[in-house]
Amino acid sequence: MRTSVGLAVAALLLPLPAIYAQEPPNSTGPALYKVEFTIHDGSDPAAKAGRHYTLLTDAGQKAVLKVGSRVPIPTGSSGGTVNYTYIDVGVNIVCVLREAGNRIMIDGNVDLSGIRQPDTTPMANLANPTVGQTRLELNTAVVPGRPTVVAAIEDPATMRQFQVEATVTKAN
């Protein structure tokens, strides 16, 4: 009995060869893509290179990127307690890629938002800030590996000019 218990313990403690399940290199699963968005603000000479955002996603799957802040906005009060609603400001990108022949379809949206500087008039209400928003709904095709301007926007409220460029490359 003592020998069989010793053999069982030794068998458990001996290192076993590592066995890894690997997907074969030529799998038929969904293609993996790197999506790069570059947003140029033409009104800001210091930002000539633009801001870069990159996502890695499977074809057909929704990819979401959110960068920014949740800003509290007072919405009222009751019993001496102030109630707040939080709004997201910053950059929000949502996209789904589909293969279409030798092109890649991009469906999604790009949302740029921020709190605008308060008005300098004495009547400016700091409790109710102005949120500036530029939103782009995408439904376009791009050639893989080639940077493509998918939108050029001029904000009529601020006269700022934006250019949105997308580059999609296959990652597998």
N, C-alpha and C. Protein backbone atom coordinates (compact mmCIF):
# COMPACT_ATOMS: atom_id res chain seq x y z
N MET A 1 0.83 -1.19 0.00
CA MET A 1 0.00 0.00 0.00
C MET A 1 0.86 1.24 0.00
N ARG A 2 1.91 1.21 0.84
CA ARG A 2 2.80 2.35 0.94
C ARG A 2 3.49 2.61 -0.40
N THR A 3 3.85 1.58 -1.14
CA THR A 3 4.51 1.72 -2.43
C THR A 3 3.57 2.32 -3.46
N SER A 4 2.33 1.90 -3.47
CA SER A 4 1.39 2.43 -4.47
C SER A 4 1.05 3.89 -4.21
N VAL A 5 0.98 4.29 -2.94
CA VAL A 5 0.73 5.69 -2.60
C VAL A 5 1.93 6.53 -3.01
N GLY A 6 3.14 6.02 -2.76
CA GLY A 6 4.36 6.73 -3.14
C GLY A 6 4.45 6.90 -4.65
N LEU A 7 4.08 5.88 -5.40
CA LEU A 7 4.09 5.97 -6.86
C LEU A 7 3.06 6.98 -7.36
N ALA A 8 1.92 7.02 -6.74
CA ALA A 8 0.87 7.96 -7.15
C ALA A 8 1.32 9.40 -6.90
N VAL A 9 1.94 9.66 -5.73
CA VAL A 9 2.43 11.01 -5.41
C VAL A 9 3.55 11.40 -6.37
N ALA A 10 4.47 10.48 -6.65
CA ALA A 10 5.58 10.76 -7.56
C ALA A 10 5.05 11.07 -8.96
N ALA A 11 4.04 10.34 -9.39
CA ALA A 11 3.47 10.57 -10.72
C ALA A 11 2.85 11.96 -10.81
N LEU A 12 2.25 12.43 -9.74
CA LEU A 12 1.64 13.76 -9.75
C LEU A 12 2.70 14.86 -9.73
N LEU A 13 3.83 14.60 -9.10
CA LEU A 13 4.85 15.62 -8.97
C LEU A 13 5.82 15.67 -10.14
N LEU A 14 5.86 14.63 -10.95
CA LEU A 14 6.77 14.63 -12.10
C LEU A 14 6.30 15.66 -13.13
N PRO A 15 7.24 16.38 -13.70
CA PRO A 15 6.83 17.34 -14.74
C PRO A 15 6.35 16.62 -15.98
N LEU A 16 5.22 17.07 -16.46
CA LEU A 16 4.67 16.49 -17.68
C LEU A 16 5.07 17.37 -18.86
N PRO A 17 5.22 16.78 -20.03
CA PRO A 17 5.54 17.62 -21.20
C PRO A 17 4.40 18.60 -21.45
N ALA A 18 4.76 19.82 -21.81
CA ALA A 18 3.75 20.86 -22.06
C ALA A 18 3.00 20.53 -23.34
N ILE A 19 1.71 20.58 -23.25
CA ILE A 19 0.86 20.33 -24.42
C ILE A 19 0.02 21.58 -24.62
N TYR A 20 0.16 22.19 -25.76
CA TYR A 20 -0.58 23.42 -26.06
C TYR A 20 -1.47 23.18 -27.26
N ALA A 21 -2.69 23.64 -27.14
CA ALA A 21 -3.59 23.58 -28.29
C ALA A 21 -3.32 24.83 -29.13
N GLN A 22 -2.89 24.62 -30.34
CA GLN A 22 -2.62 25.75 -31.21
C GLN A 22 -3.53 25.67 -32.42
N GLU A 23 -3.97 26.83 -32.82
CA GLU A 23 -4.78 26.91 -34.02
C GLU A 23 -3.85 26.82 -35.21
N PRO A 24 -4.17 26.03 -36.20
CA PRO A 24 -3.30 25.94 -37.36
C PRO A 24 -3.19 27.29 -38.04
N PRO A 25 -2.02 27.59 -38.66
CA PRO A 25 -1.81 28.90 -39.25
C PRO A 25 -2.79 29.24 -40.36
N ASN A 26 -3.33 28.27 -41.04
CA ASN A 26 -4.28 28.53 -42.12
C ASN A 26 -5.70 28.26 -41.68
N SER A 27 -6.08 28.81 -40.55
CA SER A 27 -7.42 28.56 -40.02
C SER A 27 -8.47 29.26 -40.88
N THR A 28 -9.68 28.79 -40.76
CA THR A 28 -10.78 29.39 -41.53
C THR A 28 -11.58 30.35 -40.67
N GLY A 29 -11.05 30.74 -39.52
CA GLY A 29 -11.74 31.67 -38.63
C GLY A 29 -11.77 33.07 -39.22
N PRO A 30 -12.42 34.01 -38.52
CA PRO A 30 -12.50 35.38 -39.04
C PRO A 30 -11.13 36.04 -39.11
N ALA A 31 -10.98 36.90 -40.09
CA ALA A 31 -9.73 37.63 -40.26
C ALA A 31 -9.58 38.66 -39.16
N LEU A 32 -8.36 38.87 -38.72
CA LEU A 32 -8.06 39.85 -37.69
C LEU A 32 -7.47 41.09 -38.37
N TYR A 33 -7.99 42.27 -38.02
CA TYR A 33 -7.56 43.51 -38.65
C TYR A 33 -7.14 44.54 -37.61
N LYS A 34 -6.17 45.37 -38.00
CA LYS A 34 -5.79 46.53 -37.22
C LYS A 34 -6.41 47.74 -37.91
N VAL A 35 -7.19 48.52 -37.17
CA VAL A 35 -7.84 49.70 -37.70
C VAL A 35 -7.21 50.91 -37.03
N GLU A 36 -6.67 51.81 -37.83
CA GLU A 36 -6.05 53.03 -37.31
C GLU A 36 -6.83 54.24 -37.80
N PHE A 37 -7.25 55.06 -36.86
CA PHE A 37 -7.90 56.32 -37.18
C PHE A 37 -6.93 57.44 -36.81
N THR A 38 -6.73 58.37 -37.74
CA THR A 38 -5.94 59.56 -37.47
C THR A 38 -6.85 60.75 -37.67
N ILE A 39 -6.96 61.59 -36.64
CA ILE A 39 -7.83 62.75 -36.70
C ILE A 39 -6.95 63.99 -36.69
N HIS A 40 -7.02 64.73 -37.78
CA HIS A 40 -6.25 65.96 -37.93
C HIS A 40 -7.16 67.15 -37.61
N ASP A 41 -6.69 68.04 -36.78
CA ASP A 41 -7.41 69.28 -36.47
C ASP A 41 -6.70 70.38 -37.24
N GLY A 42 -7.26 70.77 -38.39
CA GLY A 42 -6.65 71.78 -39.25
C GLY A 42 -6.55 73.15 -38.62
N SER A 43 -7.29 73.37 -37.54
CA SER A 43 -7.28 74.67 -36.86
C SER A 43 -6.15 74.77 -35.85
N ASP A 44 -5.45 73.66 -35.59
CA ASP A 44 -4.39 73.64 -34.58
C ASP A 44 -3.06 73.31 -35.24
N PRO A 45 -2.25 74.33 -35.55
CA PRO A 45 -0.98 74.07 -36.23
C PRO A 45 -0.03 73.17 -35.44
N ALA A 46 -0.15 73.16 -34.12
CA ALA A 46 0.72 72.31 -33.30
C ALA A 46 0.36 70.84 -33.44
N ALA A 47 -0.83 70.52 -33.91
CA ALA A 47 -1.29 69.14 -34.02
C ALA A 47 -1.24 68.65 -35.46
N LYS A 48 -0.18 68.99 -36.18
CA LYS A 48 -0.07 68.63 -37.60
C LYS A 48 -0.12 67.12 -37.82
N ALA A 49 0.53 66.36 -36.95
CA ALA A 49 0.58 64.91 -37.12
C ALA A 49 -0.77 64.25 -36.83
N GLY A 50 -1.62 64.93 -36.12
CA GLY A 50 -2.93 64.37 -35.78
C GLY A 50 -2.88 63.51 -34.54
N ARG A 51 -4.06 63.09 -34.11
CA ARG A 51 -4.20 62.19 -32.97
C ARG A 51 -4.49 60.80 -33.53
N HIS A 52 -3.83 59.78 -32.98
CA HIS A 52 -3.93 58.42 -33.52
C HIS A 52 -4.66 57.51 -32.55
N TYR A 53 -5.57 56.71 -33.09
CA TYR A 53 -6.33 55.74 -32.30
C TYR A 53 -6.30 54.42 -33.05
N THR A 54 -5.96 53.33 -32.38
CA THR A 54 -5.82 52.03 -33.02
C THR A 54 -6.66 50.99 -32.31
N LEU A 55 -7.34 50.16 -33.10
CA LEU A 55 -8.15 49.06 -32.57
C LEU A 55 -7.73 47.79 -33.30
N LEU A 56 -7.81 46.66 -32.62
CA LEU A 56 -7.57 45.36 -33.22
C LEU A 56 -8.88 44.60 -33.12
N THR A 57 -9.40 44.11 -34.26
CA THR A 57 -10.72 43.50 -34.24
C THR A 57 -10.86 42.41 -35.29
N ASP A 58 -11.74 41.47 -35.03
CA ASP A 58 -12.10 40.46 -36.02
C ASP A 58 -13.10 41.05 -37.00
N ALA A 59 -13.06 40.60 -38.23
CA ALA A 59 -14.06 41.00 -39.20
C ALA A 59 -15.44 40.57 -38.68
N GLY A 60 -16.41 41.46 -38.77
CA GLY A 60 -17.76 41.15 -38.33
C GLY A 60 -18.04 41.42 -36.86
N GLN A 61 -17.02 41.74 -36.07
CA GLN A 61 -17.21 42.01 -34.65
C GLN A 61 -17.15 43.51 -34.38
N LYS A 62 -17.95 43.98 -33.42
CA LYS A 62 -17.96 45.40 -33.07
C LYS A 62 -16.74 45.73 -32.20
N ALA A 63 -16.00 46.77 -32.60
CA ALA A 63 -14.87 47.25 -31.82
C ALA A 63 -15.24 48.63 -31.26
N VAL A 64 -14.92 48.87 -29.99
CA VAL A 64 -15.28 50.11 -29.32
C VAL A 64 -14.03 50.70 -28.67
N LEU A 65 -13.79 51.99 -28.89
CA LEU A 65 -12.70 52.70 -28.24
C LEU A 65 -13.30 53.96 -27.62
N LYS A 66 -13.05 54.17 -26.33
CA LYS A 66 -13.52 55.38 -25.64
C LYS A 66 -12.35 55.98 -24.89
N VAL A 67 -12.08 57.25 -25.17
CA VAL A 67 -11.02 57.98 -24.49
C VAL A 67 -11.60 59.30 -24.05
N GLY A 68 -11.48 59.64 -22.80
CA GLY A 68 -12.00 60.93 -22.35
C GLY A 68 -12.37 60.90 -20.89
N SER A 69 -13.40 61.66 -20.57
CA SER A 69 -13.83 61.82 -19.18
C SER A 69 -15.34 61.73 -19.08
N ARG A 70 -15.80 61.39 -17.89
CA ARG A 70 -17.22 61.48 -17.56
C ARG A 70 -17.36 62.74 -16.72
N VAL A 71 -18.09 63.71 -17.24
CA VAL A 71 -18.20 65.02 -16.61
C VAL A 71 -19.54 65.13 -15.89
N PRO A 72 -19.53 65.48 -14.59
CA PRO A 72 -20.79 65.64 -13.87
C PRO A 72 -21.43 66.98 -14.21
N ILE A 73 -22.72 66.94 -14.51
CA ILE A 73 -23.49 68.14 -14.80
C ILE A 73 -24.63 68.19 -13.77
N PRO A 74 -24.72 69.25 -12.97
CA PRO A 74 -25.82 69.33 -12.00
C PRO A 74 -27.17 69.44 -12.71
N THR A 75 -28.10 68.60 -12.29
CA THR A 75 -29.43 68.59 -12.93
C THR A 75 -30.54 69.05 -12.01
N GLY A 76 -30.21 69.34 -10.78
CA GLY A 76 -31.23 69.79 -9.83
C GLY A 76 -30.81 69.42 -8.43
N SER A 77 -31.71 69.70 -7.50
CA SER A 77 -31.42 69.35 -6.12
C SER A 77 -32.72 69.04 -5.40
N SER A 78 -32.57 68.21 -4.37
CA SER A 78 -33.72 67.91 -3.53
C SER A 78 -33.21 67.63 -2.12
N GLY A 79 -33.81 68.29 -1.18
CA GLY A 79 -33.44 68.09 0.22
C GLY A 79 -32.00 68.45 0.52
N GLY A 80 -31.45 69.43 -0.16
CA GLY A 80 -30.08 69.86 0.08
C GLY A 80 -29.04 69.02 -0.66
N THR A 81 -29.48 68.01 -1.40
CA THR A 81 -28.55 67.18 -2.16
C THR A 81 -28.62 67.56 -3.64
N VAL A 82 -27.46 67.75 -4.25
CA VAL A 82 -27.42 68.09 -5.68
C VAL A 82 -27.42 66.80 -6.49
N ASN A 83 -28.27 66.74 -7.50
CA ASN A 83 -28.33 65.59 -8.41
C ASN A 83 -27.49 65.89 -9.65
N TYR A 84 -26.79 64.87 -10.14
CA TYR A 84 -25.92 65.04 -11.30
C TYR A 84 -26.26 64.02 -12.39
N THR A 85 -26.05 64.45 -13.61
CA THR A 85 -26.05 63.55 -14.75
C THR A 85 -24.63 63.58 -15.30
N TYR A 86 -24.10 62.43 -15.64
CA TYR A 86 -22.74 62.36 -16.16
C TYR A 86 -22.78 62.21 -17.68
N ILE A 87 -21.97 63.00 -18.36
CA ILE A 87 -21.88 62.89 -19.81
C ILE A 87 -20.45 62.51 -20.19
N ASP A 88 -20.33 61.70 -21.24
CA ASP A 88 -19.02 61.31 -21.75
C ASP A 88 -18.53 62.37 -22.71
N VAL A 89 -17.31 62.84 -22.51
CA VAL A 89 -16.68 63.75 -23.46
C VAL A 89 -15.32 63.18 -23.82
N GLY A 90 -14.90 63.42 -25.05
CA GLY A 90 -13.63 62.89 -25.53
C GLY A 90 -13.82 62.31 -26.92
N VAL A 91 -13.19 61.17 -27.15
CA VAL A 91 -13.26 60.49 -28.44
C VAL A 91 -13.90 59.13 -28.23
N ASN A 92 -14.95 58.86 -28.98
CA ASN A 92 -15.61 57.56 -28.96
C ASN A 92 -15.64 57.04 -30.40
N ILE A 93 -15.09 55.85 -30.61
CA ILE A 93 -15.07 55.24 -31.94
C ILE A 93 -15.69 53.86 -31.82
N VAL A 94 -16.64 53.56 -32.69
CA VAL A 94 -17.27 52.25 -32.77
C VAL A 94 -17.21 51.84 -34.24
N CYS A 95 -16.73 50.62 -34.52
CA CYS A 95 -16.72 50.19 -35.91
C CYS A 95 -16.86 48.69 -36.03
N VAL A 96 -17.39 48.28 -37.18
CA VAL A 96 -17.50 46.88 -37.57
C VAL A 96 -16.91 46.79 -38.97
N LEU A 97 -16.02 45.82 -39.18
CA LEU A 97 -15.40 45.64 -40.49
C LEU A 97 -16.02 44.44 -41.20
N ARG A 98 -16.16 44.57 -42.51
CA ARG A 98 -16.62 43.46 -43.35
C ARG A 98 -15.72 43.39 -44.57
N GLU A 99 -15.40 42.19 -44.98
CA GLU A 99 -14.63 42.01 -46.19
C GLU A 99 -15.56 42.10 -47.38
N ALA A 100 -15.13 42.82 -48.42
CA ALA A 100 -15.93 42.98 -49.64
C ALA A 100 -14.97 42.95 -50.83
N GLY A 101 -14.64 41.75 -51.27
CA GLY A 101 -13.69 41.61 -52.37
C GLY A 101 -12.31 42.04 -51.92
N ASN A 102 -11.70 42.97 -52.67
CA ASN A 102 -10.38 43.45 -52.31
C ASN A 102 -10.44 44.71 -51.45
N ARG A 103 -11.59 45.02 -50.92
CA ARG A 103 -11.77 46.19 -50.04
C ARG A 103 -12.32 45.74 -48.69
N ILE A 104 -12.22 46.65 -47.72
CA ILE A 104 -12.78 46.41 -46.40
C ILE A 104 -13.84 47.48 -46.15
N MET A 105 -15.03 47.05 -45.79
CA MET A 105 -16.12 47.96 -45.45
C MET A 105 -15.99 48.34 -43.97
N ILE A 106 -16.13 49.62 -43.69
CA ILE A 106 -16.13 50.12 -42.31
C ILE A 106 -17.52 50.69 -42.03
N ASP A 107 -18.21 50.11 -41.07
CA ASP A 107 -19.50 50.63 -40.60
C ASP A 107 -19.30 51.05 -39.15
N GLY A 108 -19.74 52.26 -38.81
CA GLY A 108 -19.59 52.68 -37.42
C GLY A 108 -19.71 54.18 -37.27
N ASN A 109 -19.14 54.69 -36.19
CA ASN A 109 -19.20 56.14 -35.97
C ASN A 109 -17.98 56.61 -35.21
N VAL A 110 -17.67 57.88 -35.42
CA VAL A 110 -16.61 58.58 -34.72
C VAL A 110 -17.27 59.78 -34.06
N ASP A 111 -17.11 59.91 -32.75
CA ASP A 111 -17.74 60.98 -31.99
C ASP A 111 -16.67 61.74 -31.23
N LEU A 112 -16.53 63.03 -31.53
CA LEU A 112 -15.57 63.91 -30.84
C LEU A 112 -16.38 64.92 -30.05
N SER A 113 -16.17 64.98 -28.75
CA SER A 113 -16.95 65.94 -27.95
C SER A 113 -16.09 66.50 -26.83
N GLY A 114 -16.48 67.68 -26.38
CA GLY A 114 -15.76 68.33 -25.29
C GLY A 114 -16.56 69.48 -24.73
N ILE A 115 -16.19 69.91 -23.55
CA ILE A 115 -16.84 71.05 -22.92
C ILE A 115 -16.25 72.30 -23.54
N ARG A 116 -17.10 73.16 -24.07
CA ARG A 116 -16.63 74.41 -24.66
C ARG A 116 -16.40 75.42 -23.56
N GLN A 117 -15.50 76.35 -23.82
CA GLN A 117 -15.21 77.40 -22.85
C GLN A 117 -16.47 78.20 -22.59
N PRO A 118 -16.71 78.56 -21.33
CA PRO A 118 -17.92 79.33 -21.03
C PRO A 118 -17.88 80.71 -21.69
N ASP A 119 -19.05 81.18 -21.98
CA ASP A 119 -19.19 82.52 -22.55
C ASP A 119 -18.65 83.54 -21.55
N THR A 120 -18.07 84.60 -22.04
CA THR A 120 -17.50 85.61 -21.14
C THR A 120 -18.51 86.66 -20.70
N THR A 121 -19.74 86.52 -21.15
CA THR A 121 -20.76 87.49 -20.74
C THR A 121 -21.13 87.25 -19.28
N PRO A 122 -21.59 88.29 -18.59
CA PRO A 122 -21.95 88.13 -17.17
C PRO A 122 -23.09 87.14 -16.97
N MET A 123 -23.89 86.87 -18.01
CA MET A 123 -25.04 85.98 -17.86
C MET A 123 -24.66 84.51 -18.06
N ALA A 124 -23.39 84.23 -18.34
CA ALA A 124 -22.98 82.84 -18.59
C ALA A 124 -23.26 81.99 -17.36
N ASN A 125 -23.88 80.84 -17.58
CA ASN A 125 -24.24 79.95 -16.50
C ASN A 125 -23.25 78.78 -16.49
N LEU A 126 -22.34 78.77 -15.52
CA LEU A 126 -21.33 77.72 -15.46
C LEU A 126 -21.92 76.37 -15.08
N ALA A 127 -23.10 76.36 -14.48
CA ALA A 127 -23.72 75.09 -14.10
C ALA A 127 -24.27 74.36 -15.31
N ASN A 128 -24.45 75.04 -16.42
CA ASN A 128 -24.97 74.42 -17.64
C ASN A 128 -23.96 74.64 -18.77
N PRO A 129 -22.90 73.84 -18.81
CA PRO A 129 -21.87 74.06 -19.82
C PRO A 129 -22.37 73.68 -21.22
N THR A 130 -21.70 74.21 -22.21
CA THR A 130 -22.00 73.87 -23.59
C THR A 130 -21.08 72.73 -24.00
N VAL A 131 -21.68 71.69 -24.54
CA VAL A 131 -20.90 70.54 -25.01
C VAL A 131 -20.81 70.63 -26.53
N GLY A 132 -19.58 70.73 -27.02
CA GLY A 132 -19.36 70.72 -28.46
C GLY A 132 -19.23 69.28 -28.93
N GLN A 133 -19.88 68.94 -30.04
CA GLN A 133 -19.85 67.56 -30.52
C GLN A 133 -19.75 67.54 -32.03
N THR A 134 -18.86 66.68 -32.53
CA THR A 134 -18.76 66.40 -33.95
C THR A 134 -18.93 64.90 -34.08
N ARG A 135 -19.94 64.48 -34.83
CA ARG A 135 -20.26 63.05 -34.94
C ARG A 135 -20.29 62.66 -36.40
N LEU A 136 -19.64 61.56 -36.71
CA LEU A 136 -19.54 61.06 -38.07
C LEU A 136 -20.06 59.63 -38.11
N GLU A 137 -21.04 59.37 -38.96
CA GLU A 137 -21.53 58.00 -39.18
C GLU A 137 -20.80 57.46 -40.41
N LEU A 138 -20.11 56.34 -40.25
CA LEU A 138 -19.32 55.76 -41.34
C LEU A 138 -20.03 54.58 -41.99
N ASN A 139 -19.99 54.54 -43.28
CA ASN A 139 -20.38 53.38 -44.07
C ASN A 139 -19.60 53.52 -45.36
N THR A 140 -18.36 53.04 -45.34
CA THR A 140 -17.46 53.29 -46.46
C THR A 140 -16.56 52.08 -46.71
N ALA A 141 -15.90 52.07 -47.84
CA ALA A 141 -14.97 51.01 -48.19
C ALA A 141 -13.57 51.59 -48.35
N VAL A 142 -12.57 50.86 -47.86
CA VAL A 142 -11.18 51.28 -47.99
C VAL A 142 -10.35 50.13 -48.55
N VAL A 143 -9.25 50.47 -49.19
CA VAL A 143 -8.30 49.47 -49.68
C VAL A 143 -7.36 49.13 -48.52
N PRO A 144 -7.20 47.85 -48.19
CA PRO A 144 -6.34 47.48 -47.07
C PRO A 144 -4.92 48.04 -47.24
N GLY A 145 -4.38 48.58 -46.14
CA GLY A 145 -3.02 49.10 -46.13
C GLY A 145 -2.86 50.51 -46.66
N ARG A 146 -3.90 51.07 -47.23
CA ARG A 146 -3.80 52.42 -47.80
C ARG A 146 -4.56 53.42 -46.93
N PRO A 147 -3.87 54.45 -46.39
CA PRO A 147 -4.59 55.48 -45.62
C PRO A 147 -5.62 56.16 -46.51
N THR A 148 -6.84 56.30 -46.00
CA THR A 148 -7.94 56.87 -46.77
C THR A 148 -8.66 57.92 -45.94
N VAL A 149 -8.82 59.11 -46.50
CA VAL A 149 -9.60 60.14 -45.82
C VAL A 149 -11.07 59.74 -45.95
N VAL A 150 -11.72 59.49 -44.80
CA VAL A 150 -13.11 59.07 -44.81
C VAL A 150 -14.06 60.21 -44.48
N ALA A 151 -13.51 61.36 -44.03
CA ALA A 151 -14.36 62.52 -43.76
C ALA A 151 -13.51 63.77 -43.62
N ALA A 152 -14.05 64.87 -44.08
CA ALA A 152 -13.48 66.20 -43.85
C ALA A 152 -14.64 67.05 -43.35
N ILE A 153 -14.47 67.65 -42.18
CA ILE A 153 -15.58 68.31 -41.49
C ILE A 153 -15.17 69.72 -41.10
N GLU A 154 -16.09 70.67 -41.26
CA GLU A 154 -15.89 72.01 -40.72
C GLU A 154 -17.04 72.27 -39.76
N ASP A 155 -16.68 72.48 -38.49
CA ASP A 155 -17.68 72.73 -37.46
C ASP A 155 -18.23 74.15 -37.65
N PRO A 156 -19.51 74.30 -37.96
CA PRO A 156 -20.06 75.63 -38.21
C PRO A 156 -20.10 76.53 -36.97
N ALA A 157 -20.10 75.93 -35.78
CA ALA A 157 -20.15 76.74 -34.55
C ALA A 157 -18.79 77.33 -34.21
N THR A 158 -17.71 76.58 -34.48
CA THR A 158 -16.38 77.04 -34.09
C THR A 158 -15.47 77.33 -35.28
N MET A 159 -15.88 76.90 -36.46
CA MET A 159 -15.10 77.02 -37.70
C MET A 159 -13.84 76.15 -37.66
N ARG A 160 -13.76 75.20 -36.75
CA ARG A 160 -12.64 74.26 -36.72
C ARG A 160 -12.82 73.25 -37.84
N GLN A 161 -11.71 72.84 -38.41
CA GLN A 161 -11.74 71.87 -39.51
C GLN A 161 -11.08 70.57 -39.05
N PHE A 162 -11.76 69.45 -39.32
CA PHE A 162 -11.25 68.14 -38.96
C PHE A 162 -11.15 67.29 -40.21
N GLN A 163 -10.16 66.41 -40.22
CA GLN A 163 -10.03 65.43 -41.28
C GLN A 163 -9.83 64.08 -40.59
N VAL A 164 -10.64 63.10 -40.97
CA VAL A 164 -10.56 61.77 -40.37
C VAL A 164 -10.03 60.81 -41.42
N GLU A 165 -8.93 60.14 -41.07
CA GLU A 165 -8.27 59.21 -41.98
C GLU A 165 -8.32 57.82 -41.36
N ALA A 166 -8.62 56.80 -42.17
CA ALA A 166 -8.66 55.43 -41.67
C ALA A 166 -7.70 54.56 -42.47
N THR A 167 -6.98 53.69 -41.77
CA THR A 167 -6.10 52.71 -42.41
C THR A 167 -6.43 51.36 -41.80
N VAL A 168 -6.74 50.38 -42.65
CA VAL A 168 -7.06 49.04 -42.19
C VAL A 168 -6.02 48.09 -42.76
N THR A 169 -5.37 47.33 -41.88
CA THR A 169 -4.39 46.34 -42.35
C THR A 169 -4.72 44.99 -41.74
N LYS A 170 -4.49 43.93 -42.50
CA LYS A 170 -4.74 42.60 -42.01
C LYS A 170 -3.65 42.22 -41.02
N ALA A 171 -4.04 41.69 -39.88
CA ALA A 171 -3.08 41.37 -38.82
C ALA A 171 -2.76 39.87 -38.74
N ASN A 172 -3.50 39.04 -39.47
CA ASN A 172 -3.18 37.59 -39.46
C ASN A 172 -3.11 37.04 -40.85
